[in-house]
Amino acid sequence: VHMVESGGGLVQAGGSLRLSCAASGSLSSINVMGWYRQASGKSREYVAGTSTGGRTYYADSVRGRFTISRDNAKNTLYLQMNNLRPEDTAMYSCAAWSGSVDPFDPADFRGWGQGTQVTVSS
């Protein structure tokens, strides 16, 4: 599965950004798409995920501010990020896997994007 992100950029604290991730390839092999982020010097964090069954997951750090959605007709995943904080600054990557949205369940990753940088200034 090939995935390409877009929509990152520089925004002031309190602002909004919408990330997009266009997926192509063997999409029938996956049932979950999601967003990860990695800040400089920190480990990768699972931010949000959505399954074909309609289940979603949000990390506590973004719940209530971020919204994940997907357009199946366009094979595109979105992440609407509102009320951004400086601690949201990171490289955001989309991923596709077979499994569940639950962060504690095993995931068979089938594709990763190259990432898009989000920088939030204070």
PDB file of N, CA and C in Angstrom:
ATOM      1  N   VAL A   1       0.856  -1.180   0.000  1.00  0.00           N
ATOM      2  CA  VAL A   1       0.000   0.000   0.000  1.00  0.00           C
ATOM      3  C   VAL A   1       0.896   1.236   0.000  1.00  0.00           C
ATOM      4  N   HIS A   2       0.654   2.104  -0.977  1.00  0.00           N
ATOM      5  CA  HIS A   2       1.425   3.340  -1.102  1.00  0.00           C
ATOM      6  C   HIS A   2       0.618   4.485  -0.515  1.00  0.00           C
ATOM      7  N   MET A   3       1.270   5.302   0.326  1.00  0.00           N
ATOM      8  CA  MET A   3       0.547   6.363   1.022  1.00  0.00           C
ATOM      9  C   MET A   3       1.341   7.659   0.936  1.00  0.00           C
ATOM     10  N   VAL A   4       0.643   8.752   0.655  1.00  0.00           N
ATOM     11  CA  VAL A   4       1.282  10.054   0.509  1.00  0.00           C
ATOM     12  C   VAL A   4       0.510  11.082   1.320  1.00  0.00           C
ATOM     13  N   GLU A   5       1.214  11.701   2.283  1.00  0.00           N
ATOM     14  CA  GLU A   5       0.590  12.718   3.127  1.00  0.00           C
ATOM     15  C   GLU A   5       0.765  14.120   2.536  1.00  0.00           C
ATOM     16  N   SER A   6      -0.115  14.997   2.962  1.00  0.00           N
ATOM     17  CA  SER A   6      -0.012  16.413   2.628  1.00  0.00           C
ATOM     18  C   SER A   6      -0.753  17.208   3.689  1.00  0.00           C
ATOM     19  N   GLY A   7      -0.500  18.523   3.709  1.00  0.00           N
ATOM     20  CA  GLY A   7      -1.264  19.396   4.591  1.00  0.00           C
ATOM     21  C   GLY A   7      -0.518  19.917   5.799  1.00  0.00           C
ATOM     22  N   GLY A   8       0.700  19.469   6.010  1.00  0.00           N
ATOM     23  CA  GLY A   8       1.451  19.980   7.152  1.00  0.00           C
ATOM     24  C   GLY A   8       1.883  21.418   6.919  1.00  0.00           C
ATOM     25  N   GLY A   9       2.445  22.002   7.976  1.00  0.00           N
ATOM     26  CA  GLY A   9       2.910  23.375   7.849  1.00  0.00           C
ATOM     27  C   GLY A   9       3.161  24.006   9.187  1.00  0.00           C
ATOM     28  N   LEU A  10       3.324  25.317   9.182  1.00  0.00           N
ATOM     29  CA  LEU A  10       3.567  26.099  10.385  1.00  0.00           C
ATOM     30  C   LEU A  10       2.292  26.839  10.767  1.00  0.00           C
ATOM     31  N   VAL A  11       1.913  26.731  12.026  1.00  0.00           N
ATOM     32  CA  VAL A  11       0.688  27.371  12.496  1.00  0.00           C
ATOM     33  C   VAL A  11       0.919  27.867  13.921  1.00  0.00           C
ATOM     34  N   GLN A  12       0.220  28.901  14.295  1.00  0.00           N
ATOM     35  CA  GLN A  12       0.309  29.409  15.655  1.00  0.00           C
ATOM     36  C   GLN A  12      -0.531  28.561  16.598  1.00  0.00           C
ATOM     37  N   ALA A  13      -0.146  28.565  17.851  1.00  0.00           N
ATOM     38  CA  ALA A  13      -0.917  27.853  18.860  1.00  0.00           C
ATOM     39  C   ALA A  13      -2.372  28.315  18.824  1.00  0.00           C
ATOM     40  N   GLY A  14      -3.276  27.357  18.925  1.00  0.00           N
ATOM     41  CA  GLY A  14      -4.695  27.647  18.833  1.00  0.00           C
ATOM     42  C   GLY A  14      -5.253  27.528  17.430  1.00  0.00           C
ATOM     43  N   GLY A  15      -4.375  27.396  16.460  1.00  0.00           N
ATOM     44  CA  GLY A  15      -4.804  27.293  15.070  1.00  0.00           C
ATOM     45  C   GLY A  15      -5.180  25.878  14.673  1.00  0.00           C
ATOM     46  N   SER A  16      -5.477  25.699  13.394  1.00  0.00           N
ATOM     47  CA  SER A  16      -5.933  24.419  12.869  1.00  0.00           C
ATOM     48  C   SER A  16      -5.173  24.043  11.608  1.00  0.00           C
ATOM     49  N   LEU A  17      -5.070  22.757  11.391  1.00  0.00           N
ATOM     50  CA  LEU A  17      -4.538  22.196  10.153  1.00  0.00           C
ATOM     51  C   LEU A  17      -5.328  20.946   9.816  1.00  0.00           C
ATOM     52  N   ARG A  18      -5.371  20.632   8.529  1.00  0.00           N
ATOM     53  CA  ARG A  18      -6.004  19.391   8.094  1.00  0.00           C
ATOM     54  C   ARG A  18      -4.999  18.602   7.273  1.00  0.00           C
ATOM     55  N   LEU A  19      -4.655  17.435   7.771  1.00  0.00           N
ATOM     56  CA  LEU A  19      -3.745  16.555   7.052  1.00  0.00           C
ATOM     57  C   LEU A  19      -4.546  15.601   6.172  1.00  0.00           C
ATOM     58  N   SER A  20      -3.973  15.273   5.022  1.00  0.00           N
ATOM     59  CA  SER A  20      -4.578  14.306   4.115  1.00  0.00           C
ATOM     60  C   SER A  20      -3.574  13.214   3.816  1.00  0.00           C
ATOM     61  N   CYS A  21      -4.083  12.033   3.523  1.00  0.00           N
ATOM     62  CA  CYS A  21      -3.240  10.894   3.175  1.00  0.00           C
ATOM     63  C   CYS A  21      -3.934  10.116   2.070  1.00  0.00           C
ATOM     64  N   ALA A  22      -3.344  10.149   0.881  1.00  0.00           N
ATOM     65  CA  ALA A  22      -3.892   9.426  -0.264  1.00  0.00           C
ATOM     66  C   ALA A  22      -3.278   8.035  -0.316  1.00  0.00           C
ATOM     67  N   ALA A  23      -4.128   7.021  -0.359  1.00  0.00           N
ATOM     68  CA  ALA A  23      -3.662   5.636  -0.360  1.00  0.00           C
ATOM     69  C   ALA A  23      -3.956   4.979  -1.697  1.00  0.00           C
ATOM     70  N   SER A  24      -3.068   4.083  -2.106  1.00  0.00           N
ATOM     71  CA  SER A  24      -3.268   3.333  -3.341  1.00  0.00           C
ATOM     72  C   SER A  24      -2.592   1.974  -3.194  1.00  0.00           C
ATOM     73  N   GLY A  25      -2.929   1.076  -4.095  1.00  0.00           N
ATOM     74  CA  GLY A  25      -2.337  -0.248  -4.045  1.00  0.00           C
ATOM     75  C   GLY A  25      -3.320  -1.293  -3.547  1.00  0.00           C
ATOM     76  N   SER A  26      -2.818  -2.254  -2.785  1.00  0.00           N
ATOM     77  CA  SER A  26      -3.622  -3.394  -2.317  1.00  0.00           C
ATOM     78  C   SER A  26      -4.453  -3.013  -1.093  1.00  0.00           C
ATOM     79  N   LEU A  27      -5.429  -2.149  -1.310  1.00  0.00           N
ATOM     80  CA  LEU A  27      -6.219  -1.640  -0.200  1.00  0.00           C
ATOM     81  C   LEU A  27      -7.160  -2.693   0.384  1.00  0.00           C
ATOM     82  N   SER A  28      -7.454  -3.737  -0.366  1.00  0.00           N
ATOM     83  CA  SER A  28      -8.330  -4.787   0.158  1.00  0.00           C
ATOM     84  C   SER A  28      -7.659  -5.575   1.265  1.00  0.00           C
ATOM     85  N   SER A  29      -6.342  -5.429   1.405  1.00  0.00           N
ATOM     86  CA  SER A  29      -5.607  -6.178   2.422  1.00  0.00           C
ATOM     87  C   SER A  29      -5.586  -5.476   3.776  1.00  0.00           C
ATOM     88  N   ILE A  30      -6.154  -4.274   3.854  1.00  0.00           N
ATOM     89  CA  ILE A  30      -6.123  -3.520   5.103  1.00  0.00           C
ATOM     90  C   ILE A  30      -7.519  -3.221   5.598  1.00  0.00           C
ATOM     91  N   ASN A  31      -7.661  -2.999   6.895  1.00  0.00           N
ATOM     92  CA  ASN A  31      -8.953  -2.579   7.429  1.00  0.00           C
ATOM     93  C   ASN A  31      -8.822  -1.406   8.394  1.00  0.00           C
ATOM     94  N   VAL A  32      -7.587  -0.987   8.656  1.00  0.00           N
ATOM     95  CA  VAL A  32      -7.376   0.136   9.560  1.00  0.00           C
ATOM     96  C   VAL A  32      -6.386   1.109   8.924  1.00  0.00           C
ATOM     97  N   MET A  33      -6.691   2.385   9.051  1.00  0.00           N
ATOM     98  CA  MET A  33      -5.772   3.448   8.655  1.00  0.00           C
ATOM     99  C   MET A  33      -5.653   4.406   9.825  1.00  0.00           C
ATOM    100  N   GLY A  34      -4.477   4.961   9.982  1.00  0.00           N
ATOM    101  CA  GLY A  34      -4.293   5.838  11.131  1.00  0.00           C
ATOM    102  C   GLY A  34      -3.133   6.782  10.961  1.00  0.00           C
ATOM    103  N   TRP A  35      -2.956   7.609  11.989  1.00  0.00           N
ATOM    104  CA  TRP A  35      -1.900   8.613  12.013  1.00  0.00           C
ATOM    105  C   TRP A  35      -0.980   8.370  13.209  1.00  0.00           C
ATOM    106  N   TYR A  36       0.298   8.477  12.945  1.00  0.00           N
ATOM    107  CA  TYR A  36       1.326   8.448  13.974  1.00  0.00           C
ATOM    108  C   TYR A  36       2.082   9.772  13.908  1.00  0.00           C
ATOM    109  N   ARG A  37       2.780  10.097  14.992  1.00  0.00           N
ATOM    110  CA  ARG A  37       3.631  11.271  14.958  1.00  0.00           C
ATOM    111  C   ARG A  37       4.898  10.999  15.751  1.00  0.00           C
ATOM    112  N   GLN A  38       5.937  11.689  15.383  1.00  0.00           N
ATOM    113  CA  GLN A  38       7.200  11.560  16.091  1.00  0.00           C
ATOM    114  C   GLN A  38       7.849  12.929  16.197  1.00  0.00           C
ATOM    115  N   ALA A  39       7.983  13.384  17.427  1.00  0.00           N
ATOM    116  CA  ALA A  39       8.661  14.644  17.683  1.00  0.00           C
ATOM    117  C   ALA A  39      10.161  14.389  17.798  1.00  0.00           C
ATOM    118  N   SER A  40      10.918  15.417  17.569  1.00  0.00           N
ATOM    119  CA  SER A  40      12.369  15.309  17.624  1.00  0.00           C
ATOM    120  C   SER A  40      12.820  14.811  18.990  1.00  0.00           C
ATOM    121  N   GLY A  41      13.588  13.730  19.009  1.00  0.00           N
ATOM    122  CA  GLY A  41      14.116  13.190  20.250  1.00  0.00           C
ATOM    123  C   GLY A  41      13.152  12.350  21.043  1.00  0.00           C
ATOM    124  N   LYS A  42      11.966  12.096  20.490  1.00  0.00           N
ATOM    125  CA  LYS A  42      10.964  11.307  21.200  1.00  0.00           C
ATOM    126  C   LYS A  42      10.576  10.083  20.390  1.00  0.00           C
ATOM    127  N   SER A  43       9.935   9.129  21.057  1.00  0.00           N
ATOM    128  CA  SER A  43       9.492   7.925  20.365  1.00  0.00           C
ATOM    129  C   SER A  43       8.214   8.201  19.591  1.00  0.00           C
ATOM    130  N   ARG A  44       7.927   7.348  18.656  1.00  0.00           N
ATOM    131  CA  ARG A  44       6.737   7.506  17.825  1.00  0.00           C
ATOM    132  C   ARG A  44       5.473   7.290  18.660  1.00  0.00           C
ATOM    133  N   GLU A  45       4.473   8.095  18.382  1.00  0.00           N
ATOM    134  CA  GLU A  45       3.206   8.038  19.125  1.00  0.00           C
ATOM    135  C   GLU A  45       2.056   7.760  18.168  1.00  0.00           C
ATOM    136  N   TYR A  46       1.220   6.834  18.541  1.00  0.00           N
ATOM    137  CA  TYR A  46      -0.002   6.513  17.795  1.00  0.00           C
ATOM    138  C   TYR A  46      -1.027   7.579  18.169  1.00  0.00           C
ATOM    139  N   VAL A  47      -1.456   8.364  17.200  1.00  0.00           N
ATOM    140  CA  VAL A  47      -2.324   9.513  17.453  1.00  0.00           C
ATOM    141  C   VAL A  47      -3.800   9.165  17.293  1.00  0.00           C
ATOM    142  N   ALA A  48      -4.148   8.543  16.165  1.00  0.00           N
ATOM    143  CA  ALA A  48      -5.549   8.257  15.888  1.00  0.00           C
ATOM    144  C   ALA A  48      -5.646   7.166  14.838  1.00  0.00           C
ATOM    145  N   GLY A  49      -6.733   6.401  14.895  1.00  0.00           N
ATOM    146  CA  GLY A  49      -6.953   5.348  13.922  1.00  0.00           C
ATOM    147  C   GLY A  49      -8.435   5.168  13.656  1.00  0.00           C
ATOM    148  N   THR A  50      -8.751   4.643  12.477  1.00  0.00           N
ATOM    149  CA  THR A  50     -10.141   4.382  12.115  1.00  0.00           C
ATOM    150  C   THR A  50     -10.202   3.092  11.328  1.00  0.00           C
ATOM    151  N   SER A  51     -11.211   2.268  11.617  1.00  0.00           N
ATOM    152  CA  SER A  51     -11.339   0.986  10.946  1.00  0.00           C
ATOM    153  C   SER A  51     -12.509   0.996   9.959  1.00  0.00           C
ATOM    154  N   THR A  52     -12.525   0.037   9.074  1.00  0.00           N
ATOM    155  CA  THR A  52     -13.628  -0.085   8.131  1.00  0.00           C
ATOM    156  C   THR A  52     -14.932  -0.401   8.848  1.00  0.00           C
ATOM    157  N   GLY A  53     -14.832  -0.939  10.052  1.00  0.00           N
ATOM    158  CA  GLY A  53     -16.016  -1.215  10.850  1.00  0.00           C
ATOM    159  C   GLY A  53     -16.558  -0.011  11.584  1.00  0.00           C
ATOM    160  N   GLY A  54     -15.868   1.117  11.454  1.00  0.00           N
ATOM    161  CA  GLY A  54     -16.362   2.346  12.061  1.00  0.00           C
ATOM    162  C   GLY A  54     -15.788   2.661  13.430  1.00  0.00           C
ATOM    163  N   ARG A  55     -14.909   1.835  13.939  1.00  0.00           N
ATOM    164  CA  ARG A  55     -14.296   2.115  15.235  1.00  0.00           C
ATOM    165  C   ARG A  55     -13.181   3.152  15.072  1.00  0.00           C
ATOM    166  N   THR A  56     -13.020   3.971  16.098  1.00  0.00           N
ATOM    167  CA  THR A  56     -11.944   4.964  16.082  1.00  0.00           C
ATOM    168  C   THR A  56     -11.166   4.911  17.385  1.00  0.00           C
ATOM    169  N   TYR A  57      -9.962   5.409  17.312  1.00  0.00           N
ATOM    170  CA  TYR A  57      -9.105   5.516  18.493  1.00  0.00           C
ATOM    171  C   TYR A  57      -8.445   6.880  18.474  1.00  0.00           C
ATOM    172  N   TYR A  58      -8.328   7.488  19.639  1.00  0.00           N
ATOM    173  CA  TYR A  58      -7.587   8.734  19.795  1.00  0.00           C
ATOM    174  C   TYR A  58      -6.683   8.622  21.020  1.00  0.00           C
ATOM    175  N   ALA A  59      -5.483   9.100  20.887  1.00  0.00           N
ATOM    176  CA  ALA A  59      -4.612   9.208  22.047  1.00  0.00           C
ATOM    177  C   ALA A  59      -5.192  10.255  22.998  1.00  0.00           C
ATOM    178  N   ASP A  60      -4.961  10.067  24.272  1.00  0.00           N
ATOM    179  CA  ASP A  60      -5.486  11.009  25.265  1.00  0.00           C
ATOM    180  C   ASP A  60      -5.013  12.430  24.990  1.00  0.00           C
ATOM    181  N   SER A  61      -3.813  12.548  24.448  1.00  0.00           N
ATOM    182  CA  SER A  61      -3.233  13.874  24.228  1.00  0.00           C
ATOM    183  C   SER A  61      -3.942  14.670  23.138  1.00  0.00           C
ATOM    184  N   VAL A  62      -4.748  14.005  22.291  1.00  0.00           N
ATOM    185  CA  VAL A  62      -5.397  14.719  21.184  1.00  0.00           C
ATOM    186  C   VAL A  62      -6.911  14.592  21.208  1.00  0.00           C
ATOM    187  N   ARG A  63      -7.427  13.737  22.060  1.00  0.00           N
ATOM    188  CA  ARG A  63      -8.889  13.506  22.080  1.00  0.00           C
ATOM    189  C   ARG A  63      -9.610  14.820  22.373  1.00  0.00           C
ATOM    190  N   GLY A  64     -10.637  15.100  21.571  1.00  0.00           N
ATOM    191  CA  GLY A  64     -11.402  16.332  21.717  1.00  0.00           C
ATOM    192  C   GLY A  64     -10.880  17.479  20.865  1.00  0.00           C
ATOM    193  N   ARG A  65      -9.668  17.330  20.349  1.00  0.00           N
ATOM    194  CA  ARG A  65      -9.089  18.377  19.494  1.00  0.00           C
ATOM    195  C   ARG A  65      -8.878  17.886  18.060  1.00  0.00           C
ATOM    196  N   PHE A  66      -8.559  16.607  17.898  1.00  0.00           N
ATOM    197  CA  PHE A  66      -8.304  16.037  16.578  1.00  0.00           C
ATOM    198  C   PHE A  66      -9.476  15.152  16.167  1.00  0.00           C
ATOM    199  N   THR A  67      -9.747  15.100  14.871  1.00  0.00           N
ATOM    200  CA  THR A  67     -10.783  14.229  14.329  1.00  0.00           C
ATOM    201  C   THR A  67     -10.237  13.493  13.125  1.00  0.00           C
ATOM    202  N   ILE A  68     -10.338  12.168  13.171  1.00  0.00           N
ATOM    203  CA  ILE A  68      -9.890  11.346  12.043  1.00  0.00           C
ATOM    204  C   ILE A  68     -11.107  10.968  11.200  1.00  0.00           C
ATOM    205  N   SER A  69     -10.919  10.943   9.889  1.00  0.00           N
ATOM    206  CA  SER A  69     -12.011  10.552   8.992  1.00  0.00           C
ATOM    207  C   SER A  69     -11.400   9.967   7.728  1.00  0.00           C
ATOM    208  N   ARG A  70     -12.234   9.293   6.967  1.00  0.00           N
ATOM    209  CA  ARG A  70     -11.754   8.714   5.714  1.00  0.00           C
ATOM    210  C   ARG A  70     -12.828   8.834   4.655  1.00  0.00           C
ATOM    211  N   ASP A  71     -12.393   9.058   3.440  1.00  0.00           N
ATOM    212  CA  ASP A  71     -13.276   9.092   2.275  1.00  0.00           C
ATOM    213  C   ASP A  71     -12.951   7.841   1.478  1.00  0.00           C
ATOM    214  N   ASN A  72     -13.786   6.826   1.603  1.00  0.00           N
ATOM    215  CA  ASN A  72     -13.495   5.554   0.949  1.00  0.00           C
ATOM    216  C   ASN A  72     -13.538   5.668  -0.568  1.00  0.00           C
ATOM    217  N   ALA A  73     -14.371   6.542  -1.080  1.00  0.00           N
ATOM    218  CA  ALA A  73     -14.466   6.719  -2.534  1.00  0.00           C
ATOM    219  C   ALA A  73     -13.169   7.283  -3.105  1.00  0.00           C
ATOM    220  N   LYS A  74     -12.495   8.107  -2.308  1.00  0.00           N
ATOM    221  CA  LYS A  74     -11.247   8.716  -2.753  1.00  0.00           C
ATOM    222  C   LYS A  74     -10.018   8.016  -2.186  1.00  0.00           C
ATOM    223  N   ASN A  75     -10.239   6.985  -1.366  1.00  0.00           N
ATOM    224  CA  ASN A  75      -9.124   6.278  -0.707  1.00  0.00           C
ATOM    225  C   ASN A  75      -8.209   7.258   0.019  1.00  0.00           C
ATOM    226  N   THR A  76      -8.826   8.175   0.732  1.00  0.00           N
ATOM    227  CA  THR A  76      -8.079   9.230   1.407  1.00  0.00           C
ATOM    228  C   THR A  76      -8.442   9.281   2.878  1.00  0.00           C
ATOM    229  N   LEU A  77      -7.414   9.436   3.684  1.00  0.00           N
ATOM    230  CA  LEU A  77      -7.556   9.558   5.130  1.00  0.00           C
ATOM    231  C   LEU A  77      -7.266  10.999   5.512  1.00  0.00           C
ATOM    232  N   TYR A  78      -7.999  11.502   6.505  1.00  0.00           N
ATOM    233  CA  TYR A  78      -7.823  12.883   6.945  1.00  0.00           C
ATOM    234  C   TYR A  78      -7.579  12.938   8.460  1.00  0.00           C
ATOM    235  N   LEU A  79      -6.930  14.005   8.871  1.00  0.00           N
ATOM    236  CA  LEU A  79      -6.810  14.304  10.288  1.00  0.00           C
ATOM    237  C   LEU A  79      -7.030  15.799  10.462  1.00  0.00           C
ATOM    238  N   GLN A  80      -8.184  16.157  11.002  1.00  0.00           N
ATOM    239  CA  GLN A  80      -8.475  17.546  11.299  1.00  0.00           C
ATOM    240  C   GLN A  80      -7.932  17.852  12.681  1.00  0.00           C
ATOM    241  N   MET A  81      -7.042  18.826  12.750  1.00  0.00           N
ATOM    242  CA  MET A  81      -6.385  19.169  14.011  1.00  0.00           C
ATOM    243  C   MET A  81      -6.764  20.588  14.399  1.00  0.00           C
ATOM    244  N   ASN A  82      -7.476  20.714  15.508  1.00  0.00           N
ATOM    245  CA  ASN A  82      -7.910  22.015  15.998  1.00  0.00           C
ATOM    246  C   ASN A  82      -7.229  22.324  17.325  1.00  0.00           C
ATOM    247  N   ASN A  83      -7.244  23.610  17.672  1.00  0.00           N
ATOM    248  CA  ASN A  83      -6.662  24.056  18.945  1.00  0.00           C
ATOM    249  C   ASN A  83      -5.258  23.468  19.136  1.00  0.00           C
ATOM    250  N   LEU A  84      -4.440  23.628  18.131  1.00  0.00           N
ATOM    251  CA  LEU A  84      -3.098  23.056  18.159  1.00  0.00           C
ATOM    252  C   LEU A  84      -2.236  23.686  19.238  1.00  0.00           C
ATOM    253  N   ARG A  85      -1.355  22.867  19.781  1.00  0.00           N
ATOM    254  CA  ARG A  85      -0.446  23.287  20.851  1.00  0.00           C
ATOM    255  C   ARG A  85       0.994  23.087  20.403  1.00  0.00           C
ATOM    256  N   PRO A  86       1.922  23.808  20.999  1.00  0.00           N
ATOM    257  CA  PRO A  86       3.333  23.601  20.623  1.00  0.00           C
ATOM    258  C   PRO A  86       3.776  22.151  20.781  1.00  0.00           C
ATOM    259  N   GLU A  87       3.210  21.435  21.749  1.00  0.00           N
ATOM    260  CA  GLU A  87       3.591  20.031  21.955  1.00  0.00           C
ATOM    261  C   GLU A  87       3.055  19.103  20.870  1.00  0.00           C
ATOM    262  N   ASP A  88       2.233  19.625  19.967  1.00  0.00           N
ATOM    263  CA  ASP A  88       1.778  18.837  18.814  1.00  0.00           C
ATOM    264  C   ASP A  88       2.805  18.865  17.686  1.00  0.00           C
ATOM    265  N   THR A  89       3.847  19.668  17.818  1.00  0.00           N
ATOM    266  CA  THR A  89       4.875  19.746  16.796  1.00  0.00           C
ATOM    267  C   THR A  89       5.541  18.393  16.609  1.00  0.00           C
ATOM    268  N   ALA A  90       5.520  17.888  15.372  1.00  0.00           N
ATOM    269  CA  ALA A  90       6.069  16.565  15.086  1.00  0.00           C
ATOM    270  C   ALA A  90       5.977  16.293  13.594  1.00  0.00           C
ATOM    271  N   MET A  91       6.619  15.202  13.183  1.00  0.00           N
ATOM    272  CA  MET A  91       6.412  14.666  11.841  1.00  0.00           C
ATOM    273  C   MET A  91       5.234  13.702  11.935  1.00  0.00           C
ATOM    274  N   TYR A  92       4.218  13.957  11.140  1.00  0.00           N
ATOM    275  CA  TYR A  92       3.017  13.136  11.140  1.00  0.00           C
ATOM    276  C   TYR A  92       3.042  12.195   9.937  1.00  0.00           C
ATOM    277  N   SER A  93       2.821  10.916  10.202  1.00  0.00           N
ATOM    278  CA  SER A  93       2.814   9.915   9.141  1.00  0.00           C
ATOM    279  C   SER A  93       1.528   9.120   9.184  1.00  0.00           C
ATOM    280  N   CYS A  94       1.021   8.773   8.017  1.00  0.00           N
ATOM    281  CA  CYS A  94      -0.142   7.894   7.978  1.00  0.00           C
ATOM    282  C   CYS A  94       0.325   6.459   7.742  1.00  0.00           C
ATOM    283  N   ALA A  95      -0.499   5.536   8.168  1.00  0.00           N
ATOM    284  CA  ALA A  95      -0.167   4.122   8.051  1.00  0.00           C
ATOM    285  C   ALA A  95      -1.430   3.324   7.801  1.00  0.00           C
ATOM    286  N   ALA A  96      -1.250   2.161   7.215  1.00  0.00           N
ATOM    287  CA  ALA A  96      -2.358   1.257   6.953  1.00  0.00           C
ATOM    288  C   ALA A  96      -1.984  -0.132   7.445  1.00  0.00           C
ATOM    289  N   TRP A  97      -2.959  -0.791   8.091  1.00  0.00           N
ATOM    290  CA  TRP A  97      -2.636  -2.126   8.605  1.00  0.00           C
ATOM    291  C   TRP A  97      -3.853  -3.031   8.683  1.00  0.00           C
ATOM    292  N   SER A  98      -3.589  -4.266   8.839  1.00  0.00           N
ATOM    293  CA  SER A  98      -4.620  -5.255   9.086  1.00  0.00           C
ATOM    294  C   SER A  98      -4.614  -5.542  10.579  1.00  0.00           C
ATOM    295  N   GLY A  99      -5.769  -5.366  11.225  1.00  0.00           N
ATOM    296  CA  GLY A  99      -5.825  -5.552  12.674  1.00  0.00           C
ATOM    297  C   GLY A  99      -6.969  -4.748  13.244  1.00  0.00           C
ATOM    298  N   SER A 100      -6.706  -4.068  14.347  1.00  0.00           N
ATOM    299  CA  SER A 100      -7.735  -3.252  14.973  1.00  0.00           C
ATOM    300  C   SER A 100      -7.159  -1.876  15.287  1.00  0.00           C
ATOM    301  N   VAL A 101      -8.033  -0.968  15.704  1.00  0.00           N
ATOM    302  CA  VAL A 101      -7.577   0.360  16.085  1.00  0.00           C
ATOM    303  C   VAL A 101      -6.958   0.365  17.469  1.00  0.00           C
ATOM    304  N   ASP A 102      -7.173  -0.704  18.215  1.00  0.00           N
ATOM    305  CA  ASP A 102      -6.669  -0.771  19.576  1.00  0.00           C
ATOM    306  C   ASP A 102      -5.145  -0.751  19.570  1.00  0.00           C
ATOM    307  N   PRO A 103      -4.525   0.177  20.292  1.00  0.00           N
ATOM    308  CA  PRO A 103      -3.060   0.267  20.269  1.00  0.00           C
ATOM    309  C   PRO A 103      -2.368  -0.939  20.887  1.00  0.00           C
ATOM    310  N   PHE A 104      -3.108  -1.756  21.634  1.00  0.00           N
ATOM    311  CA  PHE A 104      -2.481  -2.894  22.292  1.00  0.00           C
ATOM    312  C   PHE A 104      -2.651  -4.198  21.512  1.00  0.00           C
ATOM    313  N   ASP A 105      -3.396  -4.142  20.411  1.00  0.00           N
ATOM    314  CA  ASP A 105      -3.545  -5.319  19.565  1.00  0.00           C
ATOM    315  C   ASP A 105      -2.418  -5.357  18.544  1.00  0.00           C
ATOM    316  N   PRO A 106      -1.985  -6.555  18.127  1.00  0.00           N
ATOM    317  CA  PRO A 106      -0.941  -6.638  17.101  1.00  0.00           C
ATOM    318  C   PRO A 106      -1.437  -6.098  15.771  1.00  0.00           C
ATOM    319  N   ALA A 107      -0.565  -5.430  15.062  1.00  0.00           N
ATOM    320  CA  ALA A 107      -0.921  -4.840  13.778  1.00  0.00           C
ATOM    321  C   ALA A 107       0.020  -5.343  12.695  1.00  0.00           C
ATOM    322  N   ASP A 108      -0.550  -5.729  11.573  1.00  0.00           N
ATOM    323  CA  ASP A 108       0.218  -6.164  10.412  1.00  0.00           C
ATOM    324  C   ASP A 108       0.272  -4.975   9.464  1.00  0.00           C
ATOM    325  N   PHE A 109       1.315  -4.157   9.587  1.00  0.00           N
ATOM    326  CA  PHE A 109       1.436  -2.951   8.791  1.00  0.00           C
ATOM    327  C   PHE A 109       1.679  -3.278   7.326  1.00  0.00           C
ATOM    328  N   ARG A 110       0.940  -2.593   6.477  1.00  0.00           N
ATOM    329  CA  ARG A 110       1.047  -2.828   5.039  1.00  0.00           C
ATOM    330  C   ARG A 110       1.563  -1.598   4.282  1.00  0.00           C
ATOM    331  N   GLY A 111       1.568  -0.441   4.935  1.00  0.00           N
ATOM    332  CA  GLY A 111       2.046   0.744   4.246  1.00  0.00           C
ATOM    333  C   GLY A 111       2.267   1.903   5.194  1.00  0.00           C
ATOM    334  N   TRP A 112       3.270   2.747   4.856  1.00  0.00           N
ATOM    335  CA  TRP A 112       3.574   3.953   5.614  1.00  0.00           C
ATOM    336  C   TRP A 112       3.809   5.101   4.635  1.00  0.00           C
ATOM    337  N   GLY A 113       3.397   6.286   5.038  1.00  0.00           N
ATOM    338  CA  GLY A 113       3.708   7.457   4.245  1.00  0.00           C
ATOM    339  C   GLY A 113       5.071   8.014   4.628  1.00  0.00           C
ATOM    340  N   GLN A 114       5.531   8.987   3.878  1.00  0.00           N
ATOM    341  CA  GLN A 114       6.854   9.564   4.123  1.00  0.00           C
ATOM    342  C   GLN A 114       6.822  10.611   5.223  1.00  0.00           C
ATOM    343  N   GLY A 115       5.634  11.089   5.561  1.00  0.00           N
ATOM    344  CA  GLY A 115       5.489  12.051   6.649  1.00  0.00           C
ATOM    345  C   GLY A 115       5.316  13.470   6.179  1.00  0.00           C
ATOM    346  N   THR A 116       4.630  14.261   6.991  1.00  0.00           N
ATOM    347  CA  THR A 116       4.477  15.688   6.738  1.00  0.00           C
ATOM    348  C   THR A 116       4.701  16.414   8.059  1.00  0.00           C
ATOM    349  N   GLN A 117       5.490  17.475   8.018  1.00  0.00           N
ATOM    350  CA  GLN A 117       5.883  18.168   9.235  1.00  0.00           C
ATOM    351  C   GLN A 117       4.807  19.144   9.685  1.00  0.00           C
ATOM    352  N   VAL A 118       4.491  19.087  10.961  1.00  0.00           N
ATOM    353  CA  VAL A 118       3.589  20.046  11.594  1.00  0.00           C
ATOM    354  C   VAL A 118       4.375  20.781  12.677  1.00  0.00           C
ATOM    355  N   THR A 119       4.396  22.093  12.578  1.00  0.00           N
ATOM    356  CA  THR A 119       5.097  22.915  13.555  1.00  0.00           C
ATOM    357  C   THR A 119       4.130  23.938  14.139  1.00  0.00           C
ATOM    358  N   VAL A 120       4.002  23.946  15.453  1.00  0.00           N
ATOM    359  CA  VAL A 120       3.087  24.858  16.130  1.00  0.00           C
ATOM    360  C   VAL A 120       3.921  25.820  16.974  1.00  0.00           C
ATOM    361  N   SER A 121       3.797  27.087  16.659  1.00  0.00           N
ATOM    362  CA  SER A 121       4.557  28.108  17.389  1.00  0.00           C
ATOM    363  C   SER A 121       3.730  28.649  18.552  1.00  0.00           C
ATOM    364  N   SER A 122       4.426  29.039  19.608  1.00  0.00           N
ATOM    365  CA  SER A 122       3.717  29.542  20.788  1.00  0.00           C
ATOM    366  C   SER A 122       3.502  31.049  20.711  1.00  0.00           C
TER     367      SER A 122
END
